[in-house]
Amino acid sequence: MRIFCTVEFEKIFKKLSKKNAYKDLEKEIVDYFFAEKIDFSGGKRLGGHAKNPYIKKRLGGSGGYRTYFYVIVKDDNLHLMFLHPKTGPDGSPNITDDAKTQLLKDLISDIKLGRLLLVTRHETKKQLIFKVVG
């Protein structure tokens, strides 16, 4: 499965990763999204259908992070849209339904316009690599 993200996701990730309170963020993302097989049943379905689910997934337990992603099974692509910590200096509660809808609209626009980044992991370290596609 190929993993892509929006430019906004990368910005949020890089901002949070610089803070000591979120030092485990990168490891949590690598451990879940780059596992041998991703378990989509562990997240909450926000919409979409069986072939293209829109999912909210908790990473890192009760005080961890929420990630929002969309899976296009036909093309074997996963798209990371949004991320926020639940606690710490940048912690926030769940986002609104309107915000979730807007995230999906923005992602669809980014897919059509080719404004996505390919997300890979470093071969030996638990580090993410973001690469412009196109």
N, C-alpha and C. Protein backbone atom coordinates (compact mmCIF):
# COMPACT_ATOMS: atom_id res chain seq x y z
N MET A 1 0.84 -1.17 0.00
CA MET A 1 0.00 0.00 0.00
C MET A 1 0.89 1.24 0.00
N ARG A 2 0.57 2.18 -0.87
CA ARG A 2 1.30 3.44 -0.91
C ARG A 2 0.60 4.44 0.01
N ILE A 3 1.39 5.23 0.71
CA ILE A 3 0.84 6.20 1.64
C ILE A 3 1.19 7.60 1.15
N PHE A 4 0.16 8.43 1.08
CA PHE A 4 0.31 9.82 0.68
C PHE A 4 -0.21 10.70 1.81
N CYS A 5 0.15 11.97 1.77
CA CYS A 5 -0.42 12.91 2.73
C CYS A 5 -0.60 14.26 2.06
N THR A 6 -1.43 15.07 2.67
CA THR A 6 -1.61 16.44 2.21
C THR A 6 -0.44 17.28 2.74
N VAL A 7 -0.24 18.42 2.12
CA VAL A 7 0.79 19.35 2.58
C VAL A 7 0.46 19.80 4.00
N GLU A 8 -0.82 19.97 4.29
CA GLU A 8 -1.25 20.38 5.63
C GLU A 8 -0.87 19.34 6.68
N PHE A 9 -1.05 18.05 6.35
CA PHE A 9 -0.66 16.99 7.28
C PHE A 9 0.83 17.07 7.58
N GLU A 10 1.64 17.24 6.54
CA GLU A 10 3.09 17.33 6.76
C GLU A 10 3.45 18.52 7.65
N LYS A 11 2.81 19.67 7.43
CA LYS A 11 3.08 20.86 8.25
C LYS A 11 2.76 20.59 9.72
N ILE A 12 1.60 20.01 9.97
CA ILE A 12 1.20 19.70 11.35
C ILE A 12 2.17 18.71 11.96
N PHE A 13 2.51 17.66 11.22
CA PHE A 13 3.43 16.64 11.71
C PHE A 13 4.77 17.27 12.09
N LYS A 14 5.34 18.07 11.21
CA LYS A 14 6.65 18.67 11.47
C LYS A 14 6.61 19.63 12.66
N LYS A 15 5.53 20.39 12.78
CA LYS A 15 5.39 21.31 13.91
C LYS A 15 5.33 20.53 15.23
N LEU A 16 4.49 19.50 15.27
CA LEU A 16 4.35 18.72 16.50
C LEU A 16 5.62 17.95 16.84
N SER A 17 6.29 17.42 15.82
CA SER A 17 7.49 16.60 16.04
C SER A 17 8.62 17.37 16.70
N LYS A 18 8.62 18.68 16.56
CA LYS A 18 9.68 19.50 17.16
C LYS A 18 9.50 19.67 18.67
N LYS A 19 8.31 19.35 19.16
CA LYS A 19 8.01 19.57 20.57
C LYS A 19 8.27 18.31 21.38
N ASN A 20 8.92 18.47 22.50
CA ASN A 20 9.26 17.35 23.36
C ASN A 20 8.02 16.57 23.80
N ALA A 21 6.91 17.26 23.99
CA ALA A 21 5.67 16.60 24.44
C ALA A 21 5.19 15.55 23.44
N TYR A 22 5.63 15.67 22.19
CA TYR A 22 5.15 14.76 21.14
C TYR A 22 6.30 13.96 20.52
N LYS A 23 7.33 13.70 21.30
CA LYS A 23 8.52 13.01 20.77
C LYS A 23 8.22 11.61 20.23
N ASP A 24 7.12 10.99 20.66
CA ASP A 24 6.78 9.64 20.20
C ASP A 24 5.90 9.63 18.96
N LEU A 25 5.52 10.80 18.45
CA LEU A 25 4.59 10.88 17.33
C LEU A 25 5.08 10.12 16.10
N GLU A 26 6.30 10.36 15.69
CA GLU A 26 6.82 9.72 14.48
C GLU A 26 6.83 8.20 14.63
N LYS A 27 7.25 7.70 15.77
CA LYS A 27 7.27 6.26 16.02
C LYS A 27 5.85 5.68 15.95
N GLU A 28 4.88 6.37 16.52
CA GLU A 28 3.49 5.90 16.50
C GLU A 28 2.97 5.79 15.06
N ILE A 29 3.27 6.79 14.24
CA ILE A 29 2.82 6.76 12.84
C ILE A 29 3.51 5.64 12.08
N VAL A 30 4.82 5.52 12.24
CA VAL A 30 5.56 4.45 11.56
C VAL A 30 5.04 3.08 11.99
N ASP A 31 4.88 2.88 13.30
CA ASP A 31 4.44 1.57 13.80
C ASP A 31 3.07 1.18 13.26
N TYR A 32 2.17 2.13 13.12
CA TYR A 32 0.82 1.78 12.66
C TYR A 32 0.73 1.72 11.13
N PHE A 33 1.13 2.78 10.46
CA PHE A 33 0.91 2.87 9.02
C PHE A 33 1.93 2.09 8.19
N PHE A 34 3.06 1.73 8.78
CA PHE A 34 4.04 0.96 8.04
C PHE A 34 4.19 -0.45 8.61
N ALA A 35 3.17 -0.92 9.27
CA ALA A 35 3.13 -2.30 9.77
C ALA A 35 2.95 -3.24 8.59
N GLU A 36 3.21 -4.52 8.81
CA GLU A 36 3.04 -5.53 7.76
C GLU A 36 1.64 -5.45 7.15
N LYS A 37 0.64 -5.32 8.01
CA LYS A 37 -0.75 -5.20 7.56
C LYS A 37 -1.45 -4.19 8.46
N ILE A 38 -2.10 -3.21 7.86
CA ILE A 38 -2.81 -2.19 8.64
C ILE A 38 -4.19 -2.71 9.00
N ASP A 39 -4.54 -2.59 10.27
CA ASP A 39 -5.84 -3.05 10.76
C ASP A 39 -6.83 -1.88 10.73
N PHE A 40 -7.63 -1.81 9.68
CA PHE A 40 -8.59 -0.72 9.55
C PHE A 40 -9.77 -0.86 10.51
N SER A 41 -9.98 -2.05 11.06
CA SER A 41 -11.10 -2.24 11.98
C SER A 41 -10.85 -1.54 13.32
N GLY A 42 -9.62 -1.16 13.59
CA GLY A 42 -9.30 -0.51 14.85
C GLY A 42 -9.64 0.96 14.90
N GLY A 43 -10.06 1.53 13.79
CA GLY A 43 -10.41 2.94 13.75
C GLY A 43 -11.91 3.12 13.65
N LYS A 44 -12.34 4.36 13.80
CA LYS A 44 -13.77 4.67 13.69
C LYS A 44 -14.06 5.14 12.27
N ARG A 45 -15.02 4.48 11.64
CA ARG A 45 -15.42 4.88 10.28
C ARG A 45 -16.23 6.16 10.35
N LEU A 46 -15.82 7.13 9.57
CA LEU A 46 -16.52 8.41 9.53
C LEU A 46 -17.40 8.52 8.30
N GLY A 47 -17.22 7.63 7.37
CA GLY A 47 -17.98 7.69 6.13
C GLY A 47 -17.30 6.85 5.08
N GLY A 48 -17.67 7.12 3.86
CA GLY A 48 -17.15 6.31 2.78
C GLY A 48 -17.84 4.97 2.77
N HIS A 49 -17.42 4.11 1.90
CA HIS A 49 -17.99 2.77 1.86
C HIS A 49 -16.87 1.75 2.02
N ALA A 50 -17.21 0.49 1.95
CA ALA A 50 -16.25 -0.58 2.24
C ALA A 50 -14.97 -0.47 1.41
N LYS A 51 -15.10 -0.07 0.14
CA LYS A 51 -13.91 0.00 -0.72
C LYS A 51 -13.07 1.25 -0.47
N ASN A 52 -13.71 2.32 -0.02
CA ASN A 52 -12.99 3.58 0.21
C ASN A 52 -13.38 4.17 1.56
N PRO A 53 -12.93 3.57 2.65
CA PRO A 53 -13.34 4.08 3.96
C PRO A 53 -12.62 5.38 4.35
N TYR A 54 -13.35 6.21 5.09
CA TYR A 54 -12.83 7.43 5.70
C TYR A 54 -12.77 7.12 7.19
N ILE A 55 -11.57 7.13 7.77
CA ILE A 55 -11.37 6.58 9.11
C ILE A 55 -10.66 7.58 10.03
N LYS A 56 -11.11 7.58 11.29
CA LYS A 56 -10.40 8.30 12.35
C LYS A 56 -9.75 7.23 13.21
N LYS A 57 -8.46 7.33 13.43
CA LYS A 57 -7.72 6.32 14.17
C LYS A 57 -6.97 6.95 15.33
N ARG A 58 -7.12 6.36 16.50
CA ARG A 58 -6.37 6.80 17.68
C ARG A 58 -5.02 6.10 17.67
N LEU A 59 -3.97 6.87 17.84
CA LEU A 59 -2.62 6.32 17.95
C LEU A 59 -2.08 6.66 19.33
N GLY A 60 -1.37 5.75 19.94
CA GLY A 60 -0.70 6.04 21.20
C GLY A 60 -1.57 5.99 22.43
N GLY A 61 -2.68 5.32 22.39
CA GLY A 61 -3.50 5.17 23.58
C GLY A 61 -4.34 6.39 23.89
N SER A 62 -4.85 6.44 25.12
CA SER A 62 -5.84 7.47 25.48
C SER A 62 -5.27 8.89 25.48
N GLY A 63 -4.00 9.07 25.69
CA GLY A 63 -3.43 10.41 25.69
C GLY A 63 -2.66 10.72 24.43
N GLY A 64 -2.85 9.94 23.39
CA GLY A 64 -2.03 10.04 22.18
C GLY A 64 -2.55 11.02 21.14
N TYR A 65 -2.77 10.51 19.95
CA TYR A 65 -3.07 11.34 18.79
C TYR A 65 -4.28 10.79 18.05
N ARG A 66 -4.89 11.67 17.26
CA ARG A 66 -5.94 11.22 16.34
C ARG A 66 -5.45 11.52 14.93
N THR A 67 -5.59 10.53 14.06
CA THR A 67 -5.25 10.73 12.66
C THR A 67 -6.52 10.50 11.84
N TYR A 68 -6.66 11.24 10.76
CA TYR A 68 -7.79 11.09 9.87
C TYR A 68 -7.23 10.70 8.52
N PHE A 69 -7.74 9.59 7.97
CA PHE A 69 -7.22 9.15 6.68
C PHE A 69 -8.31 8.54 5.83
N TYR A 70 -8.03 8.48 4.54
CA TYR A 70 -8.96 7.98 3.54
C TYR A 70 -8.21 6.92 2.74
N VAL A 71 -8.86 5.80 2.52
CA VAL A 71 -8.23 4.69 1.81
C VAL A 71 -8.93 4.49 0.47
N ILE A 72 -8.16 4.44 -0.59
CA ILE A 72 -8.69 4.10 -1.90
C ILE A 72 -8.15 2.72 -2.22
N VAL A 73 -8.98 1.72 -2.00
CA VAL A 73 -8.55 0.33 -2.13
C VAL A 73 -8.21 -0.01 -3.58
N LYS A 74 -8.98 0.50 -4.51
CA LYS A 74 -8.78 0.19 -5.93
C LYS A 74 -7.34 0.46 -6.36
N ASP A 75 -6.81 1.58 -5.93
CA ASP A 75 -5.45 1.96 -6.30
C ASP A 75 -4.43 1.61 -5.21
N ASP A 76 -4.91 0.98 -4.14
CA ASP A 76 -4.06 0.59 -3.01
C ASP A 76 -3.32 1.79 -2.42
N ASN A 77 -4.06 2.89 -2.24
CA ASN A 77 -3.50 4.12 -1.69
C ASN A 77 -4.18 4.48 -0.38
N LEU A 78 -3.40 5.00 0.54
CA LEU A 78 -3.91 5.53 1.80
C LEU A 78 -3.49 6.99 1.85
N HIS A 79 -4.42 7.86 2.23
CA HIS A 79 -4.16 9.31 2.25
C HIS A 79 -4.32 9.85 3.66
N LEU A 80 -3.24 10.35 4.24
CA LEU A 80 -3.28 10.98 5.55
C LEU A 80 -3.69 12.43 5.37
N MET A 81 -4.75 12.84 6.09
CA MET A 81 -5.30 14.18 5.90
C MET A 81 -5.03 15.12 7.06
N PHE A 82 -5.15 14.61 8.27
CA PHE A 82 -5.11 15.49 9.43
C PHE A 82 -4.63 14.72 10.64
N LEU A 83 -4.04 15.43 11.56
CA LEU A 83 -3.48 14.82 12.76
C LEU A 83 -3.58 15.84 13.88
N HIS A 84 -3.98 15.40 15.06
CA HIS A 84 -3.90 16.29 16.21
C HIS A 84 -3.71 15.49 17.48
N PRO A 85 -2.92 16.07 18.42
CA PRO A 85 -2.74 15.41 19.71
C PRO A 85 -3.98 15.64 20.57
N LYS A 86 -4.22 14.72 21.48
CA LYS A 86 -5.36 14.87 22.38
C LYS A 86 -4.97 15.60 23.65
N THR A 87 -3.68 15.60 23.97
CA THR A 87 -3.20 16.25 25.19
C THR A 87 -1.96 17.07 24.87
N GLY A 88 -1.40 17.71 25.88
CA GLY A 88 -0.18 18.49 25.70
C GLY A 88 -0.48 19.91 25.27
N PRO A 89 0.57 20.68 24.97
CA PRO A 89 0.40 22.10 24.65
C PRO A 89 -0.45 22.36 23.41
N ASP A 90 -0.49 21.44 22.46
CA ASP A 90 -1.30 21.61 21.26
C ASP A 90 -2.50 20.68 21.25
N GLY A 91 -2.81 20.08 22.38
CA GLY A 91 -3.92 19.14 22.47
C GLY A 91 -5.26 19.81 22.20
N SER A 92 -6.16 19.04 21.62
CA SER A 92 -7.50 19.57 21.33
C SER A 92 -8.50 18.42 21.31
N PRO A 93 -9.77 18.77 21.51
CA PRO A 93 -10.81 17.74 21.46
C PRO A 93 -11.07 17.32 20.02
N ASN A 94 -12.02 16.46 19.84
CA ASN A 94 -12.39 16.02 18.48
C ASN A 94 -12.71 17.22 17.60
N ILE A 95 -12.44 17.08 16.32
CA ILE A 95 -12.82 18.14 15.39
C ILE A 95 -14.30 17.99 15.05
N THR A 96 -14.90 19.04 14.55
CA THR A 96 -16.33 19.04 14.25
C THR A 96 -16.64 18.21 13.01
N ASP A 97 -17.90 17.84 12.86
CA ASP A 97 -18.32 17.12 11.66
C ASP A 97 -18.08 17.95 10.41
N ASP A 98 -18.32 19.26 10.50
CA ASP A 98 -18.06 20.13 9.35
C ASP A 98 -16.58 20.12 8.97
N ALA A 99 -15.71 20.12 9.97
CA ALA A 99 -14.27 20.08 9.70
C ALA A 99 -13.88 18.76 9.05
N LYS A 100 -14.48 17.66 9.50
CA LYS A 100 -14.20 16.34 8.90
C LYS A 100 -14.62 16.32 7.44
N THR A 101 -15.79 16.89 7.17
CA THR A 101 -16.28 16.96 5.78
C THR A 101 -15.35 17.80 4.93
N GLN A 102 -14.90 18.93 5.48
CA GLN A 102 -14.01 19.81 4.73
C GLN A 102 -12.66 19.14 4.45
N LEU A 103 -12.15 18.38 5.41
CA LEU A 103 -10.90 17.64 5.20
C LEU A 103 -11.01 16.72 4.00
N LEU A 104 -12.13 16.01 3.91
CA LEU A 104 -12.32 15.08 2.79
C LEU A 104 -12.43 15.84 1.47
N LYS A 105 -13.16 16.95 1.46
CA LYS A 105 -13.28 17.75 0.24
C LYS A 105 -11.91 18.27 -0.20
N ASP A 106 -11.14 18.75 0.77
CA ASP A 106 -9.79 19.26 0.45
C ASP A 106 -8.90 18.15 -0.09
N LEU A 107 -9.00 16.97 0.49
CA LEU A 107 -8.20 15.84 0.01
C LEU A 107 -8.56 15.49 -1.43
N ILE A 108 -9.85 15.40 -1.72
CA ILE A 108 -10.28 15.06 -3.08
C ILE A 108 -9.75 16.09 -4.07
N SER A 109 -9.80 17.36 -3.69
CA SER A 109 -9.25 18.42 -4.54
C SER A 109 -7.75 18.23 -4.73
N ASP A 110 -7.03 17.93 -3.65
CA ASP A 110 -5.58 17.72 -3.74
C ASP A 110 -5.23 16.52 -4.61
N ILE A 111 -6.04 15.46 -4.54
CA ILE A 111 -5.80 14.28 -5.39
C ILE A 111 -5.97 14.67 -6.85
N LYS A 112 -7.05 15.38 -7.16
CA LYS A 112 -7.32 15.78 -8.55
C LYS A 112 -6.24 16.71 -9.09
N LEU A 113 -5.73 17.59 -8.23
CA LEU A 113 -4.72 18.57 -8.66
C LEU A 113 -3.29 18.07 -8.51
N GLY A 114 -3.13 16.86 -7.98
CA GLY A 114 -1.79 16.29 -7.81
C GLY A 114 -0.96 16.98 -6.76
N ARG A 115 -1.60 17.47 -5.70
CA ARG A 115 -0.90 18.19 -4.63
C ARG A 115 -0.71 17.31 -3.40
N LEU A 116 -0.12 16.15 -3.58
CA LEU A 116 0.10 15.24 -2.47
C LEU A 116 1.58 14.95 -2.30
N LEU A 117 1.94 14.49 -1.13
CA LEU A 117 3.30 14.05 -0.85
C LEU A 117 3.28 12.54 -0.63
N LEU A 118 4.27 11.86 -1.16
CA LEU A 118 4.43 10.43 -0.90
C LEU A 118 5.14 10.30 0.44
N VAL A 119 4.61 9.43 1.30
CA VAL A 119 5.20 9.22 2.62
C VAL A 119 5.82 7.82 2.64
N THR A 120 7.11 7.78 2.95
CA THR A 120 7.81 6.50 3.09
C THR A 120 8.53 6.52 4.43
N ARG A 121 9.13 5.40 4.77
CA ARG A 121 9.90 5.37 6.01
C ARG A 121 11.35 5.08 5.69
N HIS A 122 12.22 5.57 6.52
CA HIS A 122 13.64 5.30 6.40
C HIS A 122 13.86 3.80 6.55
N GLU A 123 14.77 3.23 5.79
CA GLU A 123 14.98 1.78 5.79
C GLU A 123 15.37 1.22 7.15
N THR A 124 16.18 1.93 7.89
CA THR A 124 16.66 1.38 9.16
C THR A 124 16.15 2.11 10.40
N LYS A 125 15.71 3.35 10.24
CA LYS A 125 15.23 4.13 11.38
C LYS A 125 13.71 4.29 11.29
N LYS A 126 13.10 4.55 12.42
CA LYS A 126 11.66 4.79 12.43
C LYS A 126 11.43 6.27 12.15
N GLN A 127 11.76 6.67 10.92
CA GLN A 127 11.61 8.05 10.50
C GLN A 127 10.80 8.11 9.22
N LEU A 128 9.99 9.17 9.12
CA LEU A 128 9.19 9.38 7.92
C LEU A 128 9.95 10.24 6.92
N ILE A 129 9.72 9.95 5.65
CA ILE A 129 10.29 10.73 4.57
C ILE A 129 9.13 11.22 3.71
N PHE A 130 9.07 12.54 3.48
CA PHE A 130 8.01 13.14 2.67
C PHE A 130 8.62 13.56 1.34
N LYS A 131 7.99 13.14 0.24
CA LYS A 131 8.54 13.44 -1.08
C LYS A 131 7.43 13.97 -1.98
N VAL A 132 7.71 15.06 -2.67
CA VAL A 132 6.74 15.64 -3.60
C VAL A 132 6.51 14.65 -4.73
N VAL A 133 5.26 14.46 -5.10
CA VAL A 133 4.89 13.53 -6.17
C VAL A 133 4.65 14.34 -7.44
N GLY A 134 5.07 13.80 -8.56
CA GLY A 134 4.73 14.46 -9.81
C GLY A 134 5.84 14.83 -10.62
